[in-house]
Amino acid sequence: MTSRYAQLLFTPPVQLHQEHHGSRRNYAAMAEGPAVADRLTAAEAAFAAASTGFYLATTGSTGWPYVQHRGGPPGFLRALDERTLAFADFRGNKQYITTGNLDTDNRVSLLLMDHPARRRLKILGRARTADVSAWPAAAGPLVPEGYRAVPERIMLIDVEAYDWNCPQHIQPRFTPAELEEALGPVRERMASLEQENARLKERLAGAEEVDRAR
């Protein structure tokens, strides 16, 4: 956990609960440090680029939180630099709850999951929208080739803090593509064994014919 993440989330009421449960001393040390925004490293950038989906939380003008899933092919979410994340916000059901919430409160929280590796990354930031035409050419294609989706806008997130969370209780889950990659060698081995088994059966059948001929 970064010191900035602890500074933002360890509010006085949170600290009281930490005191009550005996964890305040350890967490107090985590919050020590300058009150400056975190900078993304190569690890966070790579994790984002490999993501096919994440959960995005905003708060509406009524004060109620709202969590929405955003997804796409690997590369739809990426780090433009060490302080900015961006993603193509594809056309959906046209409710615009997330977009509307950002008009009154631009603070967001992202949860990125890697179920096979049992890793998760939590990010706090401030989001803003931009026209698709504002996508920087240096960042590469806005929509990966072959992906059938219409981007309505670009979502830019100025990262404030992040935290790599522990793997406890994360159940390994795999996409069809990940399963295919993992099972490919197994299927090849099974096919090889089946061929070998067929050859052995042929040899055995031949030997039985020879014995009967005798």
C-alpha atoms as a PDB file:
ATOM      1  CA  MET A   1       0.000   0.000   0.000  1.00  0.00           C
ATOM      2  CA  THR A   2       1.329   3.438  -0.875  1.00  0.00           C
ATOM      3  CA  SER A   3       1.392   6.222   1.703  1.00  0.00           C
ATOM      4  CA  ARG A   4      -0.910   8.334  -0.456  1.00  0.00           C
ATOM      5  CA  TYR A   5      -3.508   5.538  -0.577  1.00  0.00           C
ATOM      6  CA  ALA A   6      -3.436   5.310   3.219  1.00  0.00           C
ATOM      7  CA  GLN A   7      -3.691   9.098   3.599  1.00  0.00           C
ATOM      8  CA  LEU A   8      -6.845   9.232   1.492  1.00  0.00           C
ATOM      9  CA  LEU A   9      -8.680   6.245   2.956  1.00  0.00           C
ATOM     10  CA  PHE A  10      -7.610   6.063   6.603  1.00  0.00           C
ATOM     11  CA  THR A  11     -10.092   8.737   7.707  1.00  0.00           C
ATOM     12  CA  PRO A  12     -10.622   9.515  11.418  1.00  0.00           C
ATOM     13  CA  PRO A  13     -13.570   7.087  11.712  1.00  0.00           C
ATOM     14  CA  VAL A  14     -11.475   4.377  10.007  1.00  0.00           C
ATOM     15  CA  GLN A  15      -8.625   5.070  12.423  1.00  0.00           C
ATOM     16  CA  LEU A  16     -10.974   4.587  15.388  1.00  0.00           C
ATOM     17  CA  HIS A  17     -11.876   1.119  14.140  1.00  0.00           C
ATOM     18  CA  GLN A  18      -8.205   0.329  13.611  1.00  0.00           C
ATOM     19  CA  GLU A  19      -7.500   1.393  17.187  1.00  0.00           C
ATOM     20  CA  HIS A  20     -10.336  -0.772  18.472  1.00  0.00           C
ATOM     21  CA  HIS A  21      -9.062  -3.842  16.614  1.00  0.00           C
ATOM     22  CA  GLY A  22      -5.377  -3.302  17.352  1.00  0.00           C
ATOM     23  CA  SER A  23      -4.108  -2.536  13.850  1.00  0.00           C
ATOM     24  CA  ARG A  24      -3.696   1.234  14.085  1.00  0.00           C
ATOM     25  CA  ARG A  25       0.029   1.238  14.924  1.00  0.00           C
ATOM     26  CA  ASN A  26       0.975  -0.651  11.753  1.00  0.00           C
ATOM     27  CA  TYR A  27      -1.331   1.332   9.483  1.00  0.00           C
ATOM     28  CA  ALA A  28      -0.266   4.687  10.930  1.00  0.00           C
ATOM     29  CA  ALA A  29       3.251   4.058   9.630  1.00  0.00           C
ATOM     30  CA  MET A  30       1.879   3.391   6.149  1.00  0.00           C
ATOM     31  CA  ALA A  31       0.356   6.862   5.952  1.00  0.00           C
ATOM     32  CA  GLU A  32       3.661   8.602   6.658  1.00  0.00           C
ATOM     33  CA  GLY A  33       5.081  10.360   3.619  1.00  0.00           C
ATOM     34  CA  PRO A  34       4.500  13.377   1.390  1.00  0.00           C
ATOM     35  CA  ALA A  35       0.915  14.103   0.337  1.00  0.00           C
ATOM     36  CA  VAL A  36       1.601  13.821  -3.385  1.00  0.00           C
ATOM     37  CA  ALA A  37      -0.079  11.691  -6.024  1.00  0.00           C
ATOM     38  CA  ASP A  38       1.366   8.271  -6.734  1.00  0.00           C
ATOM     39  CA  ARG A  39       3.158   7.599  -9.990  1.00  0.00           C
ATOM     40  CA  LEU A  40       2.401   4.498 -12.006  1.00  0.00           C
ATOM     41  CA  THR A  41       5.307   2.143 -12.541  1.00  0.00           C
ATOM     42  CA  ALA A  42       5.863  -0.398 -15.311  1.00  0.00           C
ATOM     43  CA  ALA A  43       4.096  -3.004 -13.154  1.00  0.00           C
ATOM     44  CA  GLU A  44       0.830  -1.055 -12.939  1.00  0.00           C
ATOM     45  CA  ALA A  45       0.994  -0.088 -16.625  1.00  0.00           C
ATOM     46  CA  ALA A  46       1.479  -3.720 -17.682  1.00  0.00           C
ATOM     47  CA  PHE A  47      -1.331  -4.910 -15.408  1.00  0.00           C
ATOM     48  CA  ALA A  48      -3.719  -2.344 -16.904  1.00  0.00           C
ATOM     49  CA  ALA A  49      -2.719  -3.166 -20.488  1.00  0.00           C
ATOM     50  CA  ALA A  50      -3.415  -6.868 -19.949  1.00  0.00           C
ATOM     51  CA  SER A  51      -6.823  -6.255 -18.395  1.00  0.00           C
ATOM     52  CA  THR A  52     -10.021  -7.234 -20.212  1.00  0.00           C
ATOM     53  CA  GLY A  53     -12.263  -5.575 -17.666  1.00  0.00           C
ATOM     54  CA  PHE A  54     -12.445  -3.726 -14.377  1.00  0.00           C
ATOM     55  CA  TYR A  55     -14.984  -2.268 -11.961  1.00  0.00           C
ATOM     56  CA  LEU A  56     -15.431   1.499 -11.787  1.00  0.00           C
ATOM     57  CA  ALA A  57     -17.080   3.186  -8.803  1.00  0.00           C
ATOM     58  CA  THR A  58     -18.526   6.704  -8.807  1.00  0.00           C
ATOM     59  CA  THR A  59     -20.824   8.669  -6.504  1.00  0.00           C
ATOM     60  CA  GLY A  60     -24.029  10.325  -7.680  1.00  0.00           C
ATOM     61  CA  SER A  61     -25.515  13.666  -6.660  1.00  0.00           C
ATOM     62  CA  THR A  62     -27.812  11.794  -4.233  1.00  0.00           C
ATOM     63  CA  GLY A  63     -24.754  10.493  -2.386  1.00  0.00           C
ATOM     64  CA  TRP A  64     -25.298   6.895  -3.456  1.00  0.00           C
ATOM     65  CA  PRO A  65     -22.292   4.979  -4.812  1.00  0.00           C
ATOM     66  CA  TYR A  66     -22.535   3.273  -8.189  1.00  0.00           C
ATOM     67  CA  VAL A  67     -20.332   0.483  -9.516  1.00  0.00           C
ATOM     68  CA  GLN A  68     -20.135  -0.291 -13.217  1.00  0.00           C
ATOM     69  CA  HIS A  69     -18.147  -2.872 -15.160  1.00  0.00           C
ATOM     70  CA  ARG A  70     -16.036  -1.671 -18.060  1.00  0.00           C
ATOM     71  CA  GLY A  71     -14.586  -4.201 -20.470  1.00  0.00           C
ATOM     72  CA  GLY A  72     -12.846  -4.711 -23.768  1.00  0.00           C
ATOM     73  CA  PRO A  73      -9.968  -6.596 -25.356  1.00  0.00           C
ATOM     74  CA  PRO A  74      -6.474  -6.406 -23.835  1.00  0.00           C
ATOM     75  CA  GLY A  75      -5.161  -2.930 -24.493  1.00  0.00           C
ATOM     76  CA  PHE A  76      -8.446  -1.032 -24.183  1.00  0.00           C
ATOM     77  CA  LEU A  77      -7.183   0.265 -20.826  1.00  0.00           C
ATOM     78  CA  ARG A  78      -3.690   1.672 -20.774  1.00  0.00           C
ATOM     79  CA  ALA A  79      -1.355   4.069 -19.016  1.00  0.00           C
ATOM     80  CA  LEU A  80      -0.683   7.137 -21.160  1.00  0.00           C
ATOM     81  CA  ASP A  81       2.031   8.216 -18.750  1.00  0.00           C
ATOM     82  CA  GLU A  82       3.039   7.685 -15.134  1.00  0.00           C
ATOM     83  CA  ARG A  83       0.071   9.667 -13.841  1.00  0.00           C
ATOM     84  CA  THR A  84      -2.717   9.047 -16.347  1.00  0.00           C
ATOM     85  CA  LEU A  85      -4.843   6.036 -17.232  1.00  0.00           C
ATOM     86  CA  ALA A  86      -7.152   6.076 -20.234  1.00  0.00           C
ATOM     87  CA  PHE A  87      -9.677   3.737 -21.744  1.00  0.00           C
ATOM     88  CA  ALA A  88     -12.079   3.604 -24.634  1.00  0.00           C
ATOM     89  CA  ASP A  89     -15.585   3.884 -23.202  1.00  0.00           C
ATOM     90  CA  PHE A  90     -17.625   1.760 -25.613  1.00  0.00           C
ATOM     91  CA  ARG A  91     -21.280   2.317 -26.417  1.00  0.00           C
ATOM     92  CA  GLY A  92     -23.582   0.524 -23.986  1.00  0.00           C
ATOM     93  CA  ASN A  93     -27.175   0.732 -22.802  1.00  0.00           C
ATOM     94  CA  LYS A  94     -27.207   4.561 -22.837  1.00  0.00           C
ATOM     95  CA  GLN A  95     -28.063   4.996 -19.162  1.00  0.00           C
ATOM     96  CA  TYR A  96     -25.048   7.315 -18.647  1.00  0.00           C
ATOM     97  CA  ILE A  97     -25.061   6.923 -14.866  1.00  0.00           C
ATOM     98  CA  THR A  98     -21.273   6.908 -14.565  1.00  0.00           C
ATOM     99  CA  THR A  99     -20.909   9.816 -16.987  1.00  0.00           C
ATOM    100  CA  GLY A 100     -23.566  11.834 -15.166  1.00  0.00           C
ATOM    101  CA  ASN A 101     -22.055  11.126 -11.760  1.00  0.00           C
ATOM    102  CA  LEU A 102     -18.743  12.562 -12.944  1.00  0.00           C
ATOM    103  CA  ASP A 103     -20.460  15.895 -13.615  1.00  0.00           C
ATOM    104  CA  THR A 104     -20.882  16.432  -9.870  1.00  0.00           C
ATOM    105  CA  ASP A 105     -18.016  14.365  -8.397  1.00  0.00           C
ATOM    106  CA  ASN A 106     -15.020  13.337 -10.486  1.00  0.00           C
ATOM    107  CA  ARG A 107     -13.539  11.015  -7.863  1.00  0.00           C
ATOM    108  CA  VAL A 108     -13.436   7.357  -8.925  1.00  0.00           C
ATOM    109  CA  SER A 109     -12.203   4.054  -7.651  1.00  0.00           C
ATOM    110  CA  LEU A 110     -11.096   1.217  -9.938  1.00  0.00           C
ATOM    111  CA  LEU A 111     -10.723  -2.452  -9.130  1.00  0.00           C
ATOM    112  CA  LEU A 112      -8.662  -4.513 -11.579  1.00  0.00           C
ATOM    113  CA  MET A 113      -8.589  -8.293 -11.189  1.00  0.00           C
ATOM    114  CA  ASP A 114      -6.298 -11.024 -12.453  1.00  0.00           C
ATOM    115  CA  HIS A 115      -8.119 -14.170 -11.364  1.00  0.00           C
ATOM    116  CA  PRO A 116      -5.669 -16.768 -12.743  1.00  0.00           C
ATOM    117  CA  ALA A 117      -2.745 -15.126 -10.921  1.00  0.00           C
ATOM    118  CA  ARG A 118      -4.922 -14.147  -7.933  1.00  0.00           C
ATOM    119  CA  ARG A 119      -3.874 -10.498  -8.047  1.00  0.00           C
ATOM    120  CA  ARG A 120      -5.863  -7.286  -7.759  1.00  0.00           C
ATOM    121  CA  LEU A 121      -5.010  -3.629  -8.122  1.00  0.00           C
ATOM    122  CA  LYS A 122      -7.082  -0.838  -6.564  1.00  0.00           C
ATOM    123  CA  ILE A 123      -6.756   2.674  -7.968  1.00  0.00           C
ATOM    124  CA  LEU A 124      -8.072   6.024  -6.771  1.00  0.00           C
ATOM    125  CA  GLY A 125      -8.227   8.937  -9.167  1.00  0.00           C
ATOM    126  CA  ARG A 126     -10.146  11.761 -10.754  1.00  0.00           C
ATOM    127  CA  ALA A 127     -11.877  11.038 -14.057  1.00  0.00           C
ATOM    128  CA  ARG A 128     -12.735  13.250 -16.998  1.00  0.00           C
ATOM    129  CA  THR A 129     -14.171  12.507 -20.397  1.00  0.00           C
ATOM    130  CA  ALA A 130     -12.868  13.572 -23.791  1.00  0.00           C
ATOM    131  CA  ASP A 131     -13.940  13.230 -27.395  1.00  0.00           C
ATOM    132  CA  VAL A 132     -12.621  10.224 -29.294  1.00  0.00           C
ATOM    133  CA  SER A 133     -10.725  12.605 -31.570  1.00  0.00           C
ATOM    134  CA  ALA A 134      -8.551  13.601 -28.597  1.00  0.00           C
ATOM    135  CA  TRP A 135      -6.971  10.147 -28.397  1.00  0.00           C
ATOM    136  CA  PRO A 136      -3.187  10.601 -28.750  1.00  0.00           C
ATOM    137  CA  ALA A 137      -1.762   8.868 -31.815  1.00  0.00           C
ATOM    138  CA  ALA A 138       1.322   7.898 -29.826  1.00  0.00           C
ATOM    139  CA  ALA A 139      -0.847   5.660 -27.619  1.00  0.00           C
ATOM    140  CA  GLY A 140      -1.654   3.344 -30.531  1.00  0.00           C
ATOM    141  CA  PRO A 141      -5.077   2.383 -31.907  1.00  0.00           C
ATOM    142  CA  LEU A 142      -8.034   3.368 -29.751  1.00  0.00           C
ATOM    143  CA  VAL A 143      -9.853   0.141 -30.628  1.00  0.00           C
ATOM    144  CA  PRO A 144      -7.741  -3.005 -31.134  1.00  0.00           C
ATOM    145  CA  GLU A 145      -7.994  -4.451 -34.624  1.00  0.00           C
ATOM    146  CA  GLY A 146     -10.869  -6.884 -35.092  1.00  0.00           C
ATOM    147  CA  TYR A 147     -12.829  -5.745 -32.046  1.00  0.00           C
ATOM    148  CA  ARG A 148     -16.400  -4.844 -32.955  1.00  0.00           C
ATOM    149  CA  ALA A 149     -17.332  -1.984 -30.669  1.00  0.00           C
ATOM    150  CA  VAL A 150     -18.067   1.707 -31.009  1.00  0.00           C
ATOM    151  CA  PRO A 151     -16.194   4.008 -28.615  1.00  0.00           C
ATOM    152  CA  GLU A 152     -18.450   6.854 -27.479  1.00  0.00           C
ATOM    153  CA  ARG A 153     -15.811   8.736 -25.532  1.00  0.00           C
ATOM    154  CA  ILE A 154     -12.408   8.524 -23.926  1.00  0.00           C
ATOM    155  CA  MET A 155     -12.222   8.296 -20.162  1.00  0.00           C
ATOM    156  CA  LEU A 156      -9.066   9.809 -18.693  1.00  0.00           C
ATOM    157  CA  ILE A 157      -8.164   9.138 -15.068  1.00  0.00           C
ATOM    158  CA  ASP A 158      -5.634  11.241 -13.200  1.00  0.00           C
ATOM    159  CA  VAL A 159      -4.255   8.706 -10.749  1.00  0.00           C
ATOM    160  CA  GLU A 160      -4.098   9.799  -7.130  1.00  0.00           C
ATOM    161  CA  ALA A 161      -3.127   6.553  -5.386  1.00  0.00           C
ATOM    162  CA  TYR A 162      -3.120   2.785  -5.786  1.00  0.00           C
ATOM    163  CA  ASP A 163      -2.785  -0.377  -3.759  1.00  0.00           C
ATOM    164  CA  TRP A 164      -1.818  -3.932  -4.695  1.00  0.00           C
ATOM    165  CA  ASN A 165      -4.193  -5.987  -2.597  1.00  0.00           C
ATOM    166  CA  CYS A 166      -3.534  -9.384  -1.039  1.00  0.00           C
ATOM    167  CA  PRO A 167      -4.673 -12.577  -2.866  1.00  0.00           C
ATOM    168  CA  GLN A 168      -6.754 -13.865   0.031  1.00  0.00           C
ATOM    169  CA  HIS A 169     -10.154 -15.229  -1.044  1.00  0.00           C
ATOM    170  CA  ILE A 170      -9.533 -14.596  -4.765  1.00  0.00           C
ATOM    171  CA  GLN A 171     -10.747 -17.711  -6.551  1.00  0.00           C
ATOM    172  CA  PRO A 172      -8.795 -18.642  -9.713  1.00  0.00           C
ATOM    173  CA  ARG A 173     -10.995 -18.205 -12.784  1.00  0.00           C
ATOM    174  CA  PHE A 174     -10.049 -18.524 -16.412  1.00  0.00           C
ATOM    175  CA  THR A 175     -11.375 -17.148 -19.688  1.00  0.00           C
ATOM    176  CA  PRO A 176     -11.891 -19.521 -22.638  1.00  0.00           C
ATOM    177  CA  ALA A 177      -8.712 -18.140 -24.239  1.00  0.00           C
ATOM    178  CA  GLU A 178      -6.710 -18.721 -21.052  1.00  0.00           C
ATOM    179  CA  LEU A 179      -8.090 -22.246 -20.729  1.00  0.00           C
ATOM    180  CA  GLU A 180      -7.237 -22.974 -24.357  1.00  0.00           C
ATOM    181  CA  GLU A 181      -3.677 -21.808 -23.831  1.00  0.00           C
ATOM    182  CA  ALA A 182      -3.298 -23.862 -20.642  1.00  0.00           C
ATOM    183  CA  LEU A 183      -4.944 -26.986 -22.058  1.00  0.00           C
ATOM    184  CA  GLY A 184      -3.197 -26.850 -25.443  1.00  0.00           C
ATOM    185  CA  PRO A 185      -0.111 -28.834 -24.334  1.00  0.00           C
ATOM    186  CA  VAL A 186      -2.334 -31.320 -22.493  1.00  0.00           C
ATOM    187  CA  ARG A 187      -4.435 -31.933 -25.597  1.00  0.00           C
ATOM    188  CA  GLU A 188      -1.317 -32.354 -27.716  1.00  0.00           C
ATOM    189  CA  ARG A 189       0.033 -34.877 -25.212  1.00  0.00           C
ATOM    190  CA  MET A 190      -3.283 -36.755 -25.181  1.00  0.00           C
ATOM    191  CA  ALA A 191      -3.332 -36.865 -28.993  1.00  0.00           C
ATOM    192  CA  SER A 192       0.228 -38.206 -28.995  1.00  0.00           C
ATOM    193  CA  LEU A 193      -0.678 -40.877 -26.440  1.00  0.00           C
ATOM    194  CA  GLU A 194      -3.753 -41.872 -28.437  1.00  0.00           C
ATOM    195  CA  GLN A 195      -1.617 -42.299 -31.553  1.00  0.00           C
ATOM    196  CA  GLU A 196       0.918 -44.355 -29.622  1.00  0.00           C
ATOM    197  CA  ASN A 197      -1.876 -46.447 -28.151  1.00  0.00           C
ATOM    198  CA  ALA A 198      -3.284 -47.060 -31.648  1.00  0.00           C
ATOM    199  CA  ARG A 199       0.141 -48.205 -32.882  1.00  0.00           C
ATOM    200  CA  LEU A 200       0.504 -50.568 -29.933  1.00  0.00           C
ATOM    201  CA  LYS A 201      -2.936 -52.020 -30.649  1.00  0.00           C
ATOM    202  CA  GLU A 202      -1.946 -52.619 -34.274  1.00  0.00           C
ATOM    203  CA  ARG A 203       1.250 -54.369 -33.190  1.00  0.00           C
ATOM    204  CA  LEU A 204      -0.636 -56.468 -30.667  1.00  0.00           C
ATOM    205  CA  ALA A 205      -3.242 -57.433 -33.250  1.00  0.00           C
ATOM    206  CA  GLY A 206      -0.458 -58.399 -35.666  1.00  0.00           C
ATOM    207  CA  ALA A 207       1.258 -60.524 -33.057  1.00  0.00           C
ATOM    208  CA  GLU A 208      -2.005 -62.314 -32.272  1.00  0.00           C
ATOM    209  CA  GLU A 209      -2.503 -63.110 -35.953  1.00  0.00           C
ATOM    210  CA  VAL A 210       1.005 -64.560 -36.130  1.00  0.00           C
ATOM    211  CA  ASP A 211       0.321 -66.722 -33.079  1.00  0.00           C
ATOM    212  CA  ARG A 212      -2.931 -68.003 -34.583  1.00  0.00           C
ATOM    213  CA  ALA A 213      -1.144 -68.788 -37.864  1.00  0.00           C
ATOM    214  CA  ARG A 214       1.297 -70.978 -35.977  1.00  0.00           C
END
